[in-house]
């Protein structure tokens, strides 16, 4: 479902995601073209499990206004003022029904 333009006020930030493409022989990651999304970035401590099954506590959360497939190895760049500016992604998951409005979104924990 497409987000109503009036609800974009709930997504005041912009983030950039460079999708993970591959790793070189030396395990250096390579990334694809950067894509910018309207988002809501917050400091939020949340217990989660990473892709390796480890229990972790995230220190921040990004909510993107649409369902987007994001590989956790991708590189995310947060708005100016966030430290770190390119945090490691801990978890990515689709979220349905933001604020019970039936809107789909994507949550990134870092």
N, C-alpha and C. Protein backbone atom coordinates (compact mmCIF):
# COMPACT_ATOMS: atom_id res chain seq x y z
N UNK A 1 0.85 -1.17 0.00
CA UNK A 1 0.00 0.00 0.00
C UNK A 1 0.90 1.23 0.00
N UNK A 2 0.59 2.19 -0.84
CA UNK A 2 1.38 3.41 -0.95
C UNK A 2 1.05 4.34 0.21
N UNK A 3 2.07 4.95 0.76
CA UNK A 3 1.90 5.86 1.88
C UNK A 3 1.25 7.15 1.43
N UNK A 4 0.24 7.58 2.15
CA UNK A 4 -0.43 8.84 1.89
C UNK A 4 0.60 9.97 2.05
N UNK A 5 0.67 10.90 1.10
CA UNK A 5 1.65 11.98 1.22
C UNK A 5 1.56 12.76 2.54
N UNK A 6 0.37 12.87 3.11
CA UNK A 6 0.23 13.58 4.39
C UNK A 6 0.97 12.85 5.51
N UNK A 7 1.09 11.53 5.38
CA UNK A 7 1.77 10.76 6.42
C UNK A 7 3.29 10.83 6.31
N UNK A 8 3.79 11.38 5.20
CA UNK A 8 5.24 11.52 5.06
C UNK A 8 5.82 12.45 6.12
N UNK A 9 4.96 13.25 6.76
CA UNK A 9 5.43 14.10 7.86
C UNK A 9 5.96 13.25 9.01
N UNK A 10 5.51 11.99 9.08
CA UNK A 10 5.99 11.08 10.11
C UNK A 10 7.37 10.53 9.76
N UNK A 11 7.83 10.78 8.55
CA UNK A 11 9.13 10.31 8.08
C UNK A 11 9.98 11.53 7.73
N UNK A 12 10.45 12.28 8.74
CA UNK A 12 11.16 13.54 8.47
C UNK A 12 12.61 13.39 8.02
N UNK A 13 13.16 12.19 8.15
CA UNK A 13 14.57 11.99 7.84
C UNK A 13 14.74 11.34 6.48
N UNK A 14 15.96 11.38 5.97
CA UNK A 14 16.32 10.66 4.76
C UNK A 14 17.54 9.81 5.05
N UNK A 15 17.48 8.56 4.60
CA UNK A 15 18.65 7.68 4.74
C UNK A 15 19.04 7.21 3.36
N UNK A 16 20.28 6.80 3.24
CA UNK A 16 20.79 6.27 1.98
C UNK A 16 21.23 4.85 2.21
N UNK A 17 20.82 3.96 1.32
CA UNK A 17 21.21 2.55 1.42
C UNK A 17 21.94 2.17 0.15
N UNK A 18 23.13 1.60 0.34
CA UNK A 18 23.91 1.05 -0.76
C UNK A 18 23.82 -0.47 -0.63
N UNK A 19 23.12 -1.13 -1.55
CA UNK A 19 22.91 -2.58 -1.41
C UNK A 19 24.21 -3.38 -1.55
N UNK A 20 24.34 -4.38 -0.69
CA UNK A 20 25.48 -5.29 -0.75
C UNK A 20 25.41 -6.06 -2.06
N UNK A 21 26.54 -6.12 -2.79
CA UNK A 21 26.58 -6.84 -4.06
C UNK A 21 27.39 -8.12 -3.90
N UNK A 22 28.61 -7.99 -3.41
CA UNK A 22 29.47 -9.16 -3.25
C UNK A 22 30.63 -8.83 -2.34
N UNK A 23 31.42 -9.86 -2.07
CA UNK A 23 32.64 -9.68 -1.29
C UNK A 23 33.81 -10.15 -2.13
N UNK A 24 34.92 -9.42 -2.07
CA UNK A 24 36.11 -9.78 -2.84
C UNK A 24 36.82 -10.95 -2.18
N UNK A 25 37.90 -11.37 -2.78
CA UNK A 25 38.69 -12.47 -2.23
C UNK A 25 39.19 -12.14 -0.83
N UNK A 26 39.45 -10.85 -0.60
CA UNK A 26 39.92 -10.41 0.73
C UNK A 26 38.76 -10.08 1.67
N UNK A 27 37.54 -10.41 1.24
CA UNK A 27 36.31 -10.18 2.00
C UNK A 27 35.93 -8.71 2.11
N UNK A 28 36.48 -7.86 1.25
CA UNK A 28 36.07 -6.46 1.21
C UNK A 28 34.73 -6.38 0.47
N UNK A 29 33.71 -5.77 1.10
CA UNK A 29 32.40 -5.71 0.44
C UNK A 29 32.38 -4.73 -0.71
N UNK A 30 31.54 -5.03 -1.70
CA UNK A 30 31.26 -4.08 -2.78
C UNK A 30 29.76 -3.79 -2.73
N UNK A 31 29.42 -2.56 -3.07
CA UNK A 31 28.05 -2.10 -2.95
C UNK A 31 27.53 -1.57 -4.27
N UNK A 32 26.22 -1.63 -4.44
CA UNK A 32 25.56 -1.11 -5.63
C UNK A 32 25.26 0.37 -5.50
N UNK A 33 24.49 0.86 -6.45
CA UNK A 33 24.12 2.28 -6.48
C UNK A 33 23.30 2.66 -5.25
N UNK A 34 23.58 3.81 -4.70
CA UNK A 34 22.88 4.30 -3.51
C UNK A 34 21.45 4.70 -3.83
N UNK A 35 20.54 4.37 -2.91
CA UNK A 35 19.13 4.73 -3.02
C UNK A 35 18.74 5.47 -1.75
N UNK A 36 18.02 6.59 -1.90
CA UNK A 36 17.60 7.39 -0.76
C UNK A 36 16.13 7.13 -0.45
N UNK A 37 15.82 7.00 0.85
CA UNK A 37 14.46 6.73 1.31
C UNK A 37 14.04 7.74 2.36
N UNK A 38 12.76 8.09 2.35
CA UNK A 38 12.18 8.85 3.47
C UNK A 38 12.09 7.88 4.63
N UNK A 39 12.45 8.34 5.82
CA UNK A 39 12.50 7.43 6.96
C UNK A 39 12.30 8.19 8.26
N UNK A 40 12.13 7.41 9.30
CA UNK A 40 12.09 7.95 10.66
C UNK A 40 13.23 7.26 11.42
N UNK A 41 14.20 8.04 11.88
CA UNK A 41 15.35 7.51 12.60
C UNK A 41 15.21 7.89 14.07
N UNK A 42 15.31 6.89 14.94
CA UNK A 42 15.17 7.15 16.38
C UNK A 42 16.22 6.38 17.16
N UNK A 43 16.55 6.93 18.33
CA UNK A 43 17.35 6.18 19.30
C UNK A 43 16.38 5.27 20.03
N UNK A 44 16.61 4.00 19.94
CA UNK A 44 15.70 3.05 20.58
C UNK A 44 16.48 1.80 20.94
N UNK A 45 16.44 1.44 22.20
CA UNK A 45 17.10 0.23 22.64
C UNK A 45 16.10 -0.92 22.53
N UNK A 46 16.50 -1.94 21.79
CA UNK A 46 15.59 -3.06 21.55
C UNK A 46 16.40 -4.35 21.49
N UNK A 47 15.92 -5.35 22.16
CA UNK A 47 16.59 -6.65 22.14
C UNK A 47 16.18 -7.37 20.86
N UNK A 48 17.18 -7.93 20.17
CA UNK A 48 16.91 -8.61 18.91
C UNK A 48 17.92 -9.73 18.71
N UNK A 49 17.70 -10.52 17.70
CA UNK A 49 18.61 -11.61 17.34
C UNK A 49 19.15 -11.30 15.96
N UNK A 50 20.49 -11.35 15.80
CA UNK A 50 21.07 -11.05 14.49
C UNK A 50 21.00 -12.28 13.59
N UNK A 51 21.51 -12.16 12.36
CA UNK A 51 21.41 -13.25 11.39
C UNK A 51 22.25 -14.47 11.77
N UNK A 52 23.16 -14.31 12.76
CA UNK A 52 23.97 -15.43 13.24
C UNK A 52 23.38 -16.07 14.50
N UNK A 53 22.22 -15.59 14.93
CA UNK A 53 21.55 -16.17 16.09
C UNK A 53 21.99 -15.61 17.43
N UNK A 54 22.78 -14.53 17.43
CA UNK A 54 23.24 -13.93 18.68
C UNK A 54 22.22 -12.94 19.21
N UNK A 55 22.02 -12.92 20.53
CA UNK A 55 21.17 -11.91 21.16
C UNK A 55 21.94 -10.60 21.24
N UNK A 56 21.34 -9.53 20.75
CA UNK A 56 21.97 -8.22 20.76
C UNK A 56 20.99 -7.16 21.21
N UNK A 57 21.51 -6.03 21.64
CA UNK A 57 20.68 -4.87 21.97
C UNK A 57 21.00 -3.81 20.92
N UNK A 58 19.97 -3.39 20.20
CA UNK A 58 20.18 -2.34 19.21
C UNK A 58 20.14 -0.98 19.91
N UNK A 59 20.81 -0.01 19.31
CA UNK A 59 20.81 1.34 19.89
C UNK A 59 20.02 2.32 19.04
N UNK A 60 19.58 1.89 17.87
CA UNK A 60 18.82 2.78 17.00
C UNK A 60 17.91 2.01 16.08
N UNK A 61 16.94 2.75 15.54
CA UNK A 61 15.93 2.14 14.68
C UNK A 61 15.62 3.08 13.52
N UNK A 62 15.49 2.49 12.35
CA UNK A 62 15.07 3.23 11.16
C UNK A 62 13.78 2.59 10.67
N UNK A 63 12.79 3.40 10.38
CA UNK A 63 11.54 2.92 9.83
C UNK A 63 11.38 3.55 8.45
N UNK A 64 11.31 2.70 7.41
CA UNK A 64 11.13 3.16 6.03
C UNK A 64 9.67 2.95 5.67
N UNK A 65 9.11 3.89 4.94
CA UNK A 65 7.67 3.90 4.70
C UNK A 65 7.15 2.89 3.69
N UNK A 66 7.95 1.91 3.31
CA UNK A 66 7.50 0.90 2.36
C UNK A 66 8.24 -0.39 2.65
N UNK A 67 7.73 -1.50 2.15
CA UNK A 67 8.47 -2.76 2.29
C UNK A 67 9.58 -2.78 1.26
N UNK A 68 10.80 -2.89 1.76
CA UNK A 68 11.98 -2.87 0.91
C UNK A 68 12.84 -4.05 1.32
N UNK A 69 13.34 -4.80 0.34
CA UNK A 69 14.26 -5.89 0.67
C UNK A 69 15.65 -5.28 0.87
N UNK A 70 16.20 -5.46 2.07
CA UNK A 70 17.52 -4.92 2.39
C UNK A 70 18.35 -6.04 2.98
N UNK A 71 19.47 -6.32 2.36
CA UNK A 71 20.41 -7.30 2.88
C UNK A 71 21.10 -6.67 4.09
N UNK A 72 21.18 -7.37 5.22
CA UNK A 72 21.84 -6.80 6.41
C UNK A 72 23.31 -6.43 6.19
N UNK A 73 23.90 -6.93 5.12
CA UNK A 73 25.30 -6.57 4.81
C UNK A 73 25.39 -5.27 4.03
N UNK A 74 24.25 -4.68 3.69
CA UNK A 74 24.23 -3.41 2.96
C UNK A 74 24.77 -2.29 3.84
N UNK A 75 25.11 -1.18 3.21
CA UNK A 75 25.63 -0.03 3.95
C UNK A 75 24.54 1.04 4.02
N UNK A 76 24.21 1.45 5.24
CA UNK A 76 23.21 2.49 5.46
C UNK A 76 23.92 3.75 5.95
N UNK A 77 23.52 4.88 5.40
CA UNK A 77 24.05 6.17 5.84
C UNK A 77 22.91 6.96 6.44
N UNK A 78 23.08 7.35 7.70
CA UNK A 78 22.05 8.10 8.44
C UNK A 78 22.19 9.59 8.18
N UNK A 79 21.18 10.38 8.55
CA UNK A 79 21.26 11.83 8.37
C UNK A 79 22.43 12.42 9.17
N UNK A 80 22.83 13.61 8.78
CA UNK A 80 23.89 14.33 9.46
C UNK A 80 23.55 14.48 10.94
N UNK A 81 24.54 14.27 11.79
CA UNK A 81 24.34 14.41 13.22
C UNK A 81 24.24 13.08 13.96
N UNK A 82 23.99 12.01 13.24
CA UNK A 82 23.91 10.69 13.87
C UNK A 82 25.31 10.09 13.96
N UNK A 83 25.62 9.56 15.12
CA UNK A 83 26.93 8.92 15.34
C UNK A 83 26.68 7.51 15.82
N UNK A 84 27.19 6.50 15.15
CA UNK A 84 27.96 6.57 13.91
C UNK A 84 27.05 6.90 12.73
N UNK A 85 27.63 7.48 11.70
CA UNK A 85 26.88 7.88 10.53
C UNK A 85 26.55 6.70 9.63
N UNK A 86 27.39 5.65 9.67
CA UNK A 86 27.15 4.43 8.91
C UNK A 86 27.22 3.23 9.86
N UNK A 87 26.17 3.02 10.64
CA UNK A 87 26.18 1.94 11.62
C UNK A 87 26.05 0.57 10.95
N UNK A 88 26.47 -0.45 11.66
CA UNK A 88 26.30 -1.83 11.20
C UNK A 88 24.84 -2.23 11.40
N UNK A 89 24.25 -2.80 10.38
CA UNK A 89 22.86 -3.26 10.47
C UNK A 89 22.83 -4.56 11.26
N UNK A 90 22.00 -4.58 12.30
CA UNK A 90 21.84 -5.79 13.11
C UNK A 90 20.71 -6.65 12.56
N UNK A 91 19.60 -5.99 12.20
CA UNK A 91 18.41 -6.74 11.81
C UNK A 91 17.56 -5.91 10.86
N UNK A 92 16.92 -6.59 9.91
CA UNK A 92 15.97 -5.96 9.00
C UNK A 92 14.73 -6.82 9.00
N UNK A 93 13.56 -6.20 9.15
CA UNK A 93 12.33 -6.99 9.12
C UNK A 93 11.18 -6.15 8.58
N UNK A 94 10.27 -6.80 7.87
CA UNK A 94 9.08 -6.09 7.42
C UNK A 94 8.12 -5.88 8.58
N UNK A 95 7.43 -4.77 8.55
CA UNK A 95 6.46 -4.46 9.61
C UNK A 95 5.14 -4.12 8.92
N UNK A 96 4.08 -4.74 9.34
CA UNK A 96 2.78 -4.46 8.76
C UNK A 96 1.94 -3.61 9.68
N UNK A 97 1.10 -2.78 9.10
CA UNK A 97 0.13 -2.03 9.88
C UNK A 97 0.72 -0.98 10.79
N UNK A 98 1.54 -0.08 10.28
CA UNK A 98 2.10 0.98 11.10
C UNK A 98 0.96 1.77 11.74
N UNK A 99 0.99 1.88 13.05
CA UNK A 99 -0.03 2.61 13.81
C UNK A 99 -1.43 2.13 13.44
N UNK A 100 -1.55 0.84 13.17
CA UNK A 100 -2.81 0.19 12.83
C UNK A 100 -3.51 0.80 11.63
N UNK A 101 -2.75 1.42 10.72
CA UNK A 101 -3.34 2.01 9.53
C UNK A 101 -3.25 1.09 8.33
N UNK A 102 -2.71 -0.13 8.53
CA UNK A 102 -2.62 -1.07 7.43
C UNK A 102 -1.52 -0.76 6.45
N UNK A 103 -0.54 0.04 6.87
CA UNK A 103 0.54 0.41 5.97
C UNK A 103 1.75 -0.48 6.23
N UNK A 104 2.39 -0.90 5.17
CA UNK A 104 3.57 -1.72 5.30
C UNK A 104 4.81 -0.84 5.39
N UNK A 105 5.79 -1.32 6.13
CA UNK A 105 7.04 -0.59 6.26
C UNK A 105 8.17 -1.57 6.53
N UNK A 106 9.37 -1.06 6.59
CA UNK A 106 10.55 -1.87 6.86
C UNK A 106 11.28 -1.28 8.04
N UNK A 107 11.66 -2.14 8.99
CA UNK A 107 12.38 -1.69 10.18
C UNK A 107 13.82 -2.18 10.09
N UNK A 108 14.75 -1.26 10.32
CA UNK A 108 16.18 -1.58 10.36
C UNK A 108 16.66 -1.25 11.76
N UNK A 109 17.28 -2.24 12.41
CA UNK A 109 17.86 -2.01 13.73
C UNK A 109 19.36 -1.96 13.59
N UNK A 110 19.98 -1.02 14.30
CA UNK A 110 21.44 -0.92 14.27
C UNK A 110 21.97 -0.69 15.67
